[in-house]
Amino acid sequence: MKNVIEKLIAPLKKDAIEKAEEKALEIIQDVKQRLEAAGNDLQICAPYDRNSRNNRTYNLYRSLVTCRQPTHRMGDPVIADINERKCAVFVENSKTIAGLQYDYFIEKLVIKIGPVKSATLTGNHVWNFSILTVEKENGDIEKWKTQMIVNVSKLGTLFNQWPTRKIKRG
């Protein structure tokens, strides 16, 4: 049997997956525009910094393009083109990851809040924010605010977070 909170929050998973797809397509469009503006030279729009442990932009671009030449000398232009197959994989991976992360979010939220008698949800935390009002087993009423954040890992992978804070009375 599903928890009261899980029943209430689970239907928004579809929205989270749609939002991940939308964000992935926005990122791809941005990469296309920046690559084109740089004359398709990755050295200009997404250079590799061998002194950095965080080559987020480089990794993202490499996950979406195919280089025209297999090798190049240091400092030479690295001409690349958007690879539609890689872009499709990026979008599908973003959607899959969002769904899995949403399942984890629900599980974590249920554990964080604990047993409840009833719950209501106002708003949609995927598109803006939501307030979850719960009645605890002992009769106490609590309100919890959630707002989704979309991030990109250092490897160029999209991931979502749903920070949820208990609203203090006052």
N, C-alpha and C. Protein backbone atom coordinates (compact mmCIF):
# COMPACT_ATOMS: atom_id res chain seq x y z
N MET A 1 0.83 -1.19 0.00
CA MET A 1 0.00 0.00 0.00
C MET A 1 0.88 1.26 0.00
N LYS A 2 0.53 2.22 -0.84
CA LYS A 2 1.30 3.45 -0.92
C LYS A 2 1.01 4.36 0.27
N ASN A 3 2.03 5.08 0.64
CA ASN A 3 1.93 6.09 1.68
C ASN A 3 1.06 7.25 1.17
N VAL A 4 0.39 7.96 2.08
CA VAL A 4 -0.47 9.10 1.73
C VAL A 4 0.32 10.15 0.93
N ILE A 5 1.53 10.44 1.38
CA ILE A 5 2.36 11.45 0.69
C ILE A 5 2.73 10.96 -0.71
N GLU A 6 3.12 9.71 -0.81
CA GLU A 6 3.50 9.14 -2.10
C GLU A 6 2.35 9.21 -3.10
N LYS A 7 1.14 8.89 -2.65
CA LYS A 7 -0.04 8.95 -3.53
C LYS A 7 -0.26 10.37 -4.06
N LEU A 8 0.01 11.34 -3.22
CA LEU A 8 -0.23 12.73 -3.57
C LEU A 8 0.85 13.30 -4.50
N ILE A 9 2.10 12.95 -4.25
CA ILE A 9 3.24 13.53 -4.97
C ILE A 9 3.57 12.78 -6.26
N ALA A 10 3.35 11.47 -6.29
CA ALA A 10 3.76 10.64 -7.43
C ALA A 10 3.24 11.12 -8.79
N PRO A 11 2.00 11.63 -8.89
CA PRO A 11 1.53 12.06 -10.21
C PRO A 11 2.36 13.20 -10.84
N LEU A 12 3.13 13.93 -10.04
CA LEU A 12 3.95 15.01 -10.58
C LEU A 12 5.24 14.50 -11.23
N LYS A 13 5.49 13.21 -11.13
CA LYS A 13 6.67 12.62 -11.77
C LYS A 13 6.66 12.90 -13.27
N LYS A 14 5.50 12.80 -13.88
CA LYS A 14 5.36 13.07 -15.32
C LYS A 14 5.83 14.49 -15.64
N ASP A 15 5.45 15.45 -14.81
CA ASP A 15 5.89 16.84 -15.00
C ASP A 15 7.40 16.97 -14.86
N ALA A 16 7.98 16.24 -13.92
CA ALA A 16 9.43 16.29 -13.71
C ALA A 16 10.17 15.76 -14.94
N ILE A 17 9.64 14.71 -15.53
CA ILE A 17 10.25 14.14 -16.74
C ILE A 17 10.11 15.11 -17.91
N GLU A 18 8.94 15.75 -18.05
CA GLU A 18 8.74 16.75 -19.11
C GLU A 18 9.69 17.93 -18.92
N LYS A 19 9.87 18.37 -17.69
CA LYS A 19 10.76 19.49 -17.39
C LYS A 19 12.21 19.12 -17.74
N ALA A 20 12.61 17.89 -17.45
CA ALA A 20 13.97 17.44 -17.79
C ALA A 20 14.18 17.44 -19.30
N GLU A 21 13.17 16.99 -20.04
CA GLU A 21 13.26 17.00 -21.50
C GLU A 21 13.37 18.44 -22.02
N GLU A 22 12.55 19.32 -21.49
CA GLU A 22 12.57 20.73 -21.89
C GLU A 22 13.95 21.35 -21.62
N LYS A 23 14.50 21.09 -20.45
CA LYS A 23 15.81 21.65 -20.09
C LYS A 23 16.91 21.07 -20.97
N ALA A 24 16.85 19.77 -21.24
CA ALA A 24 17.85 19.13 -22.11
C ALA A 24 17.83 19.74 -23.51
N LEU A 25 16.63 19.98 -24.04
CA LEU A 25 16.51 20.59 -25.38
C LEU A 25 17.03 22.02 -25.38
N GLU A 26 16.80 22.75 -24.29
CA GLU A 26 17.34 24.12 -24.16
C GLU A 26 18.87 24.09 -24.16
N ILE A 27 19.45 23.15 -23.45
CA ILE A 27 20.91 23.04 -23.39
C ILE A 27 21.47 22.70 -24.76
N ILE A 28 20.84 21.77 -25.46
CA ILE A 28 21.29 21.41 -26.81
C ILE A 28 21.23 22.61 -27.74
N GLN A 29 20.15 23.36 -27.67
CA GLN A 29 20.01 24.55 -28.52
C GLN A 29 21.10 25.57 -28.22
N ASP A 30 21.41 25.75 -26.94
CA ASP A 30 22.46 26.68 -26.53
C ASP A 30 23.82 26.21 -27.05
N VAL A 31 24.10 24.92 -26.94
CA VAL A 31 25.36 24.38 -27.44
C VAL A 31 25.45 24.58 -28.95
N LYS A 32 24.37 24.31 -29.68
CA LYS A 32 24.37 24.51 -31.14
C LYS A 32 24.70 25.96 -31.49
N GLN A 33 24.06 26.90 -30.81
CA GLN A 33 24.28 28.32 -31.10
C GLN A 33 25.71 28.75 -30.79
N ARG A 34 26.22 28.31 -29.64
CA ARG A 34 27.59 28.70 -29.26
C ARG A 34 28.63 28.05 -30.18
N LEU A 35 28.38 26.81 -30.56
CA LEU A 35 29.30 26.11 -31.47
C LEU A 35 29.32 26.80 -32.82
N GLU A 36 28.15 27.14 -33.32
CA GLU A 36 28.06 27.84 -34.61
C GLU A 36 28.75 29.20 -34.54
N ALA A 37 28.54 29.93 -33.46
CA ALA A 37 29.17 31.26 -33.29
C ALA A 37 30.69 31.16 -33.23
N ALA A 38 31.21 30.00 -32.80
CA ALA A 38 32.65 29.79 -32.70
C ALA A 38 33.22 29.15 -33.96
N GLY A 39 32.44 29.11 -35.03
CA GLY A 39 32.90 28.49 -36.28
C GLY A 39 33.11 26.99 -36.12
N ASN A 40 32.34 26.39 -35.25
CA ASN A 40 32.39 24.95 -34.95
C ASN A 40 33.71 24.52 -34.30
N ASP A 41 34.44 25.47 -33.74
CA ASP A 41 35.72 25.17 -33.08
C ASP A 41 35.52 25.00 -31.57
N LEU A 42 35.69 23.76 -31.11
CA LEU A 42 35.53 23.48 -29.68
C LEU A 42 36.59 24.19 -28.84
N GLN A 43 37.74 24.46 -29.43
CA GLN A 43 38.80 25.16 -28.69
C GLN A 43 38.34 26.57 -28.28
N ILE A 44 37.41 27.12 -29.02
CA ILE A 44 36.91 28.46 -28.71
C ILE A 44 35.75 28.40 -27.71
N CYS A 45 34.78 27.54 -27.96
CA CYS A 45 33.57 27.55 -27.13
C CYS A 45 33.62 26.59 -25.94
N ALA A 46 34.47 25.58 -26.00
CA ALA A 46 34.53 24.62 -24.89
C ALA A 46 35.94 24.02 -24.80
N PRO A 47 36.92 24.86 -24.51
CA PRO A 47 38.29 24.34 -24.45
C PRO A 47 38.50 23.41 -23.25
N TYR A 48 39.40 22.45 -23.43
CA TYR A 48 39.77 21.57 -22.33
C TYR A 48 40.85 22.27 -21.53
N ASP A 49 40.66 22.32 -20.22
CA ASP A 49 41.65 22.93 -19.34
C ASP A 49 42.32 21.82 -18.55
N ARG A 50 43.52 21.46 -18.94
CA ARG A 50 44.18 20.32 -18.28
C ARG A 50 44.56 20.61 -16.84
N ASN A 51 44.51 21.87 -16.44
CA ASN A 51 44.81 22.23 -15.05
C ASN A 51 43.57 22.26 -14.17
N SER A 52 42.43 22.01 -14.78
CA SER A 52 41.17 22.05 -14.03
C SER A 52 40.63 20.65 -13.82
N ARG A 53 40.09 20.41 -12.64
CA ARG A 53 39.43 19.14 -12.37
C ARG A 53 37.96 19.22 -12.77
N ASN A 54 37.53 20.42 -13.13
CA ASN A 54 36.13 20.62 -13.46
C ASN A 54 36.01 21.17 -14.88
N ASN A 55 35.93 20.28 -15.84
CA ASN A 55 35.76 20.66 -17.24
C ASN A 55 34.32 20.42 -17.68
N ARG A 56 33.39 21.01 -16.94
CA ARG A 56 31.96 20.79 -17.15
C ARG A 56 31.54 21.15 -18.58
N THR A 57 31.93 22.32 -19.06
CA THR A 57 31.53 22.76 -20.40
C THR A 57 32.14 21.85 -21.46
N TYR A 58 33.41 21.54 -21.31
CA TYR A 58 34.10 20.64 -22.25
C TYR A 58 33.37 19.29 -22.32
N ASN A 59 33.09 18.71 -21.17
CA ASN A 59 32.42 17.40 -21.13
C ASN A 59 31.03 17.45 -21.75
N LEU A 60 30.30 18.51 -21.48
CA LEU A 60 28.96 18.65 -22.05
C LEU A 60 29.04 18.70 -23.58
N TYR A 61 29.90 19.56 -24.11
CA TYR A 61 30.01 19.69 -25.57
C TYR A 61 30.45 18.36 -26.20
N ARG A 62 31.42 17.70 -25.59
CA ARG A 62 31.91 16.43 -26.13
C ARG A 62 30.81 15.37 -26.14
N SER A 63 29.85 15.47 -25.21
CA SER A 63 28.77 14.48 -25.18
C SER A 63 27.73 14.72 -26.27
N LEU A 64 27.80 15.89 -26.93
CA LEU A 64 26.78 16.24 -27.93
C LEU A 64 27.32 16.40 -29.35
N VAL A 65 28.63 16.31 -29.52
CA VAL A 65 29.21 16.57 -30.84
C VAL A 65 30.06 15.39 -31.31
N THR A 66 30.39 15.45 -32.61
CA THR A 66 31.37 14.55 -33.21
C THR A 66 32.43 15.41 -33.85
N CYS A 67 33.69 15.12 -33.54
CA CYS A 67 34.80 15.89 -34.13
C CYS A 67 35.03 15.45 -35.57
N ARG A 68 35.35 16.40 -36.41
CA ARG A 68 35.57 16.08 -37.82
C ARG A 68 36.88 15.33 -38.03
N GLN A 69 37.89 15.64 -37.24
CA GLN A 69 39.17 14.95 -37.35
C GLN A 69 39.39 14.12 -36.08
N PRO A 70 39.92 12.91 -36.24
CA PRO A 70 40.07 12.04 -35.07
C PRO A 70 41.11 12.53 -34.07
N THR A 71 42.15 13.18 -34.53
CA THR A 71 43.18 13.71 -33.64
C THR A 71 43.56 15.11 -34.08
N HIS A 72 44.22 15.83 -33.19
CA HIS A 72 44.68 17.18 -33.52
C HIS A 72 45.87 17.51 -32.61
N ARG A 73 46.63 18.49 -33.03
CA ARG A 73 47.75 18.96 -32.22
C ARG A 73 47.25 19.97 -31.20
N MET A 74 47.94 20.01 -30.10
CA MET A 74 47.61 20.96 -29.05
C MET A 74 47.62 22.38 -29.63
N GLY A 75 46.53 23.09 -29.40
CA GLY A 75 46.42 24.47 -29.87
C GLY A 75 45.74 24.61 -31.22
N ASP A 76 45.68 23.52 -31.98
CA ASP A 76 44.99 23.56 -33.28
C ASP A 76 43.48 23.61 -33.05
N PRO A 77 42.74 24.15 -34.02
CA PRO A 77 41.28 24.12 -33.91
C PRO A 77 40.77 22.68 -33.84
N VAL A 78 39.69 22.51 -33.10
CA VAL A 78 39.03 21.20 -33.01
C VAL A 78 37.63 21.42 -33.57
N ILE A 79 37.48 21.11 -34.85
CA ILE A 79 36.21 21.36 -35.54
C ILE A 79 35.26 20.19 -35.27
N ALA A 80 34.04 20.54 -34.85
CA ALA A 80 33.06 19.52 -34.49
C ALA A 80 31.67 19.92 -34.98
N ASP A 81 30.83 18.93 -35.08
CA ASP A 81 29.43 19.14 -35.50
C ASP A 81 28.51 18.49 -34.47
N ILE A 82 27.34 19.07 -34.32
CA ILE A 82 26.32 18.49 -33.45
C ILE A 82 25.98 17.10 -33.98
N ASN A 83 25.90 16.14 -33.08
CA ASN A 83 25.56 14.77 -33.44
C ASN A 83 24.14 14.52 -32.94
N GLU A 84 23.20 14.40 -33.86
CA GLU A 84 21.79 14.26 -33.50
C GLU A 84 21.52 13.00 -32.67
N ARG A 85 22.24 11.93 -32.95
CA ARG A 85 22.07 10.70 -32.18
C ARG A 85 22.51 10.92 -30.73
N LYS A 86 23.65 11.58 -30.55
CA LYS A 86 24.13 11.88 -29.19
C LYS A 86 23.16 12.82 -28.47
N CYS A 87 22.58 13.75 -29.21
CA CYS A 87 21.61 14.67 -28.60
C CYS A 87 20.37 13.91 -28.15
N ALA A 88 19.90 12.97 -28.97
CA ALA A 88 18.73 12.17 -28.61
C ALA A 88 19.02 11.34 -27.36
N VAL A 89 20.22 10.78 -27.28
CA VAL A 89 20.61 10.00 -26.10
C VAL A 89 20.66 10.91 -24.87
N PHE A 90 21.18 12.11 -25.03
CA PHE A 90 21.24 13.08 -23.93
C PHE A 90 19.84 13.39 -23.40
N VAL A 91 18.90 13.60 -24.30
CA VAL A 91 17.52 13.90 -23.90
C VAL A 91 16.90 12.69 -23.19
N GLU A 92 17.04 11.51 -23.78
CA GLU A 92 16.46 10.30 -23.17
C GLU A 92 17.08 10.01 -21.81
N ASN A 93 18.40 10.17 -21.71
CA ASN A 93 19.06 9.96 -20.41
C ASN A 93 18.57 10.96 -19.37
N SER A 94 18.38 12.20 -19.79
CA SER A 94 17.88 13.24 -18.88
C SER A 94 16.51 12.88 -18.35
N LYS A 95 15.65 12.37 -19.22
CA LYS A 95 14.29 11.97 -18.81
C LYS A 95 14.34 10.77 -17.86
N THR A 96 15.14 9.78 -18.20
CA THR A 96 15.25 8.58 -17.36
C THR A 96 15.78 8.94 -15.98
N ILE A 97 16.83 9.73 -15.96
CA ILE A 97 17.44 10.13 -14.68
C ILE A 97 16.44 10.94 -13.85
N ALA A 98 15.70 11.83 -14.50
CA ALA A 98 14.71 12.62 -13.78
C ALA A 98 13.66 11.72 -13.12
N GLY A 99 13.21 10.70 -13.84
CA GLY A 99 12.23 9.77 -13.28
C GLY A 99 12.77 9.02 -12.07
N LEU A 100 14.00 8.54 -12.19
CA LEU A 100 14.63 7.82 -11.07
C LEU A 100 14.85 8.75 -9.88
N GLN A 101 15.31 9.95 -10.16
CA GLN A 101 15.54 10.91 -9.08
C GLN A 101 14.24 11.30 -8.42
N TYR A 102 13.17 11.36 -9.17
CA TYR A 102 11.88 11.71 -8.60
C TYR A 102 11.39 10.61 -7.66
N ASP A 103 11.59 9.36 -8.07
CA ASP A 103 11.24 8.24 -7.19
C ASP A 103 12.02 8.33 -5.89
N TYR A 104 13.30 8.64 -5.99
CA TYR A 104 14.14 8.78 -4.80
C TYR A 104 13.66 9.95 -3.93
N PHE A 105 13.30 11.05 -4.57
CA PHE A 105 12.78 12.22 -3.85
C PHE A 105 11.55 11.83 -3.03
N ILE A 106 10.62 11.11 -3.63
CA ILE A 106 9.41 10.70 -2.92
C ILE A 106 9.76 9.85 -1.71
N GLU A 107 10.63 8.88 -1.94
CA GLU A 107 11.04 7.98 -0.85
C GLU A 107 11.68 8.76 0.30
N LYS A 108 12.56 9.67 -0.06
CA LYS A 108 13.25 10.48 0.95
C LYS A 108 12.26 11.38 1.70
N LEU A 109 11.30 11.96 0.98
CA LEU A 109 10.30 12.84 1.59
C LEU A 109 9.42 12.07 2.57
N VAL A 110 9.00 10.88 2.20
CA VAL A 110 8.16 10.06 3.07
C VAL A 110 8.91 9.75 4.37
N ILE A 111 10.19 9.42 4.26
CA ILE A 111 11.00 9.12 5.44
C ILE A 111 11.21 10.38 6.28
N LYS A 112 11.50 11.50 5.62
CA LYS A 112 11.77 12.77 6.32
C LYS A 112 10.56 13.24 7.13
N ILE A 113 9.38 13.16 6.55
CA ILE A 113 8.17 13.66 7.21
C ILE A 113 7.64 12.65 8.22
N GLY A 114 7.75 11.37 7.91
CA GLY A 114 7.27 10.35 8.82
C GLY A 114 5.80 10.04 8.59
N PRO A 115 5.21 9.23 9.47
CA PRO A 115 3.81 8.82 9.30
C PRO A 115 2.84 9.99 9.38
N VAL A 116 1.86 9.99 8.49
CA VAL A 116 0.83 11.04 8.48
C VAL A 116 -0.55 10.42 8.31
N LYS A 117 -1.56 11.16 8.79
CA LYS A 117 -2.96 10.74 8.61
C LYS A 117 -3.48 11.21 7.26
N SER A 118 -3.13 12.48 6.93
CA SER A 118 -3.63 13.05 5.68
C SER A 118 -2.64 14.07 5.15
N ALA A 119 -2.80 14.41 3.87
CA ALA A 119 -1.91 15.38 3.24
C ALA A 119 -2.63 16.06 2.08
N THR A 120 -2.27 17.35 1.87
CA THR A 120 -2.77 18.09 0.71
C THR A 120 -1.59 18.82 0.09
N LEU A 121 -1.68 19.03 -1.21
CA LEU A 121 -0.60 19.68 -1.94
C LEU A 121 -1.15 20.91 -2.64
N THR A 122 -0.47 22.04 -2.45
CA THR A 122 -0.82 23.28 -3.13
C THR A 122 0.35 23.66 -4.03
N GLY A 123 0.09 23.90 -5.30
CA GLY A 123 1.15 24.28 -6.23
C GLY A 123 1.78 23.06 -6.89
N ASN A 124 2.80 23.32 -7.70
CA ASN A 124 3.51 22.28 -8.42
C ASN A 124 5.00 22.59 -8.33
N HIS A 125 5.74 21.82 -7.52
CA HIS A 125 7.15 22.10 -7.28
C HIS A 125 8.03 21.88 -8.51
N VAL A 126 7.52 21.25 -9.53
CA VAL A 126 8.32 21.06 -10.74
C VAL A 126 8.40 22.37 -11.53
N TRP A 127 7.30 23.10 -11.60
CA TRP A 127 7.27 24.32 -12.41
C TRP A 127 7.49 25.57 -11.58
N ASN A 128 7.27 25.51 -10.28
CA ASN A 128 7.48 26.67 -9.43
C ASN A 128 7.83 26.17 -8.04
N PHE A 129 6.85 26.10 -7.16
CA PHE A 129 7.06 25.51 -5.85
C PHE A 129 5.74 24.95 -5.35
N SER A 130 5.83 24.13 -4.32
CA SER A 130 4.61 23.56 -3.74
C SER A 130 4.70 23.61 -2.22
N ILE A 131 3.54 23.59 -1.62
CA ILE A 131 3.43 23.49 -0.16
C ILE A 131 2.65 22.21 0.13
N LEU A 132 3.29 21.30 0.85
CA LEU A 132 2.65 20.06 1.27
C LEU A 132 2.21 20.26 2.73
N THR A 133 0.92 20.17 2.97
CA THR A 133 0.38 20.30 4.32
C THR A 133 0.00 18.90 4.78
N VAL A 134 0.57 18.49 5.92
CA VAL A 134 0.31 17.15 6.42
C VAL A 134 -0.27 17.22 7.83
N GLU A 135 -1.12 16.26 8.11
CA GLU A 135 -1.60 16.07 9.48
C GLU A 135 -0.91 14.81 9.99
N LYS A 136 -0.09 15.01 11.03
CA LYS A 136 0.66 13.90 11.60
C LYS A 136 -0.27 12.97 12.38
N GLU A 137 0.22 11.82 12.73
CA GLU A 137 -0.54 10.83 13.49
C GLU A 137 -1.04 11.40 14.82
N ASN A 138 -0.25 12.31 15.41
CA ASN A 138 -0.62 12.89 16.72
C ASN A 138 -1.52 14.12 16.59
N GLY A 139 -1.91 14.47 15.36
CA GLY A 139 -2.80 15.61 15.14
C GLY A 139 -2.10 16.91 14.78
N ASP A 140 -0.77 16.96 14.90
CA ASP A 140 -0.02 18.17 14.54
C ASP A 140 -0.12 18.42 13.04
N ILE A 141 -0.17 19.69 12.67
CA ILE A 141 -0.19 20.10 11.26
C ILE A 141 1.19 20.66 10.92
N GLU A 142 1.78 20.20 9.82
CA GLU A 142 3.07 20.70 9.35
C GLU A 142 2.94 21.10 7.88
N LYS A 143 3.73 22.10 7.51
CA LYS A 143 3.78 22.54 6.11
C LYS A 143 5.22 22.40 5.64
N TRP A 144 5.37 21.85 4.42
CA TRP A 144 6.67 21.60 3.83
C TRP A 144 6.72 22.24 2.44
N LYS A 145 7.75 23.04 2.19
CA LYS A 145 7.89 23.73 0.90
C LYS A 145 8.97 23.03 0.06
N THR A 146 8.63 22.77 -1.20
CA THR A 146 9.55 22.13 -2.15
C THR A 146 9.65 23.00 -3.40
N GLN A 147 10.87 23.13 -3.92
CA GLN A 147 11.10 23.83 -5.19
C GLN A 147 12.18 23.06 -5.94
N MET A 148 11.91 22.67 -7.17
CA MET A 148 12.86 21.89 -7.94
C MET A 148 14.00 22.75 -8.46
N ILE A 149 15.20 22.17 -8.45
CA ILE A 149 16.40 22.80 -9.00
C ILE A 149 16.95 21.86 -10.05
N VAL A 150 17.32 22.38 -11.22
CA VAL A 150 17.93 21.57 -12.27
C VAL A 150 19.41 21.95 -12.35
N ASN A 151 20.29 20.95 -12.27
CA ASN A 151 21.73 21.17 -12.33
C ASN A 151 22.34 20.34 -13.44
N VAL A 152 23.58 20.65 -13.79
CA VAL A 152 24.35 19.87 -14.75
C VAL A 152 25.62 19.41 -14.03
N SER A 153 25.87 18.10 -14.05
CA SER A 153 27.06 17.56 -13.38
C SER A 153 28.32 17.95 -14.15
N LYS A 154 29.47 17.70 -13.53
CA LYS A 154 30.73 18.03 -14.20
C LYS A 154 30.97 17.15 -15.43
N LEU A 155 30.21 16.07 -15.55
CA LEU A 155 30.30 15.20 -16.73
C LEU A 155 29.27 15.55 -17.79
N GLY A 156 28.49 16.61 -17.54
CA GLY A 156 27.51 17.06 -18.53
C GLY A 156 26.16 16.39 -18.42
N THR A 157 25.88 15.74 -17.29
CA THR A 157 24.61 15.05 -17.10
C THR A 157 23.65 15.96 -16.34
N LEU A 158 22.42 16.06 -16.84
CA LEU A 158 21.40 16.83 -16.13
C LEU A 158 20.92 16.05 -14.92
N PHE A 159 20.71 16.75 -13.81
CA PHE A 159 20.09 16.09 -12.66
C PHE A 159 19.24 17.10 -11.90
N ASN A 160 18.18 16.58 -11.30
CA ASN A 160 17.23 17.41 -10.57
C ASN A 160 17.40 17.20 -9.07
N GLN A 161 17.06 18.24 -8.33
CA GLN A 161 17.02 18.16 -6.88
C GLN A 161 15.72 18.81 -6.43
N TRP A 162 15.17 18.29 -5.35
CA TRP A 162 13.94 18.81 -4.79
C TRP A 162 14.15 19.14 -3.32
N PRO A 163 14.86 20.23 -3.04
CA PRO A 163 15.04 20.56 -1.63
C PRO A 163 13.69 20.88 -0.98
N THR A 164 13.45 20.25 0.15
CA THR A 164 12.18 20.41 0.87
C THR A 164 12.49 20.85 2.28
N ARG A 165 11.88 21.94 2.68
CA ARG A 165 12.11 22.50 4.02
C ARG A 165 10.78 22.60 4.75
N LYS A 166 10.83 22.27 6.02
CA LYS A 166 9.67 22.44 6.87
C LYS A 166 9.51 23.93 7.13
N ILE A 167 8.30 24.45 6.92
CA ILE A 167 8.03 25.86 7.15
C ILE A 167 7.81 26.05 8.65
N LYS A 168 8.59 26.96 9.22
CA LYS A 168 8.46 27.20 10.64
C LYS A 168 7.24 28.05 10.91
N ARG A 169 6.59 27.72 11.99
CA ARG A 169 5.43 28.53 12.40
C ARG A 169 5.95 29.84 12.95
N GLY A 170 5.20 30.87 12.72
CA GLY A 170 5.68 32.08 13.33
C GLY A 170 5.05 33.26 12.86
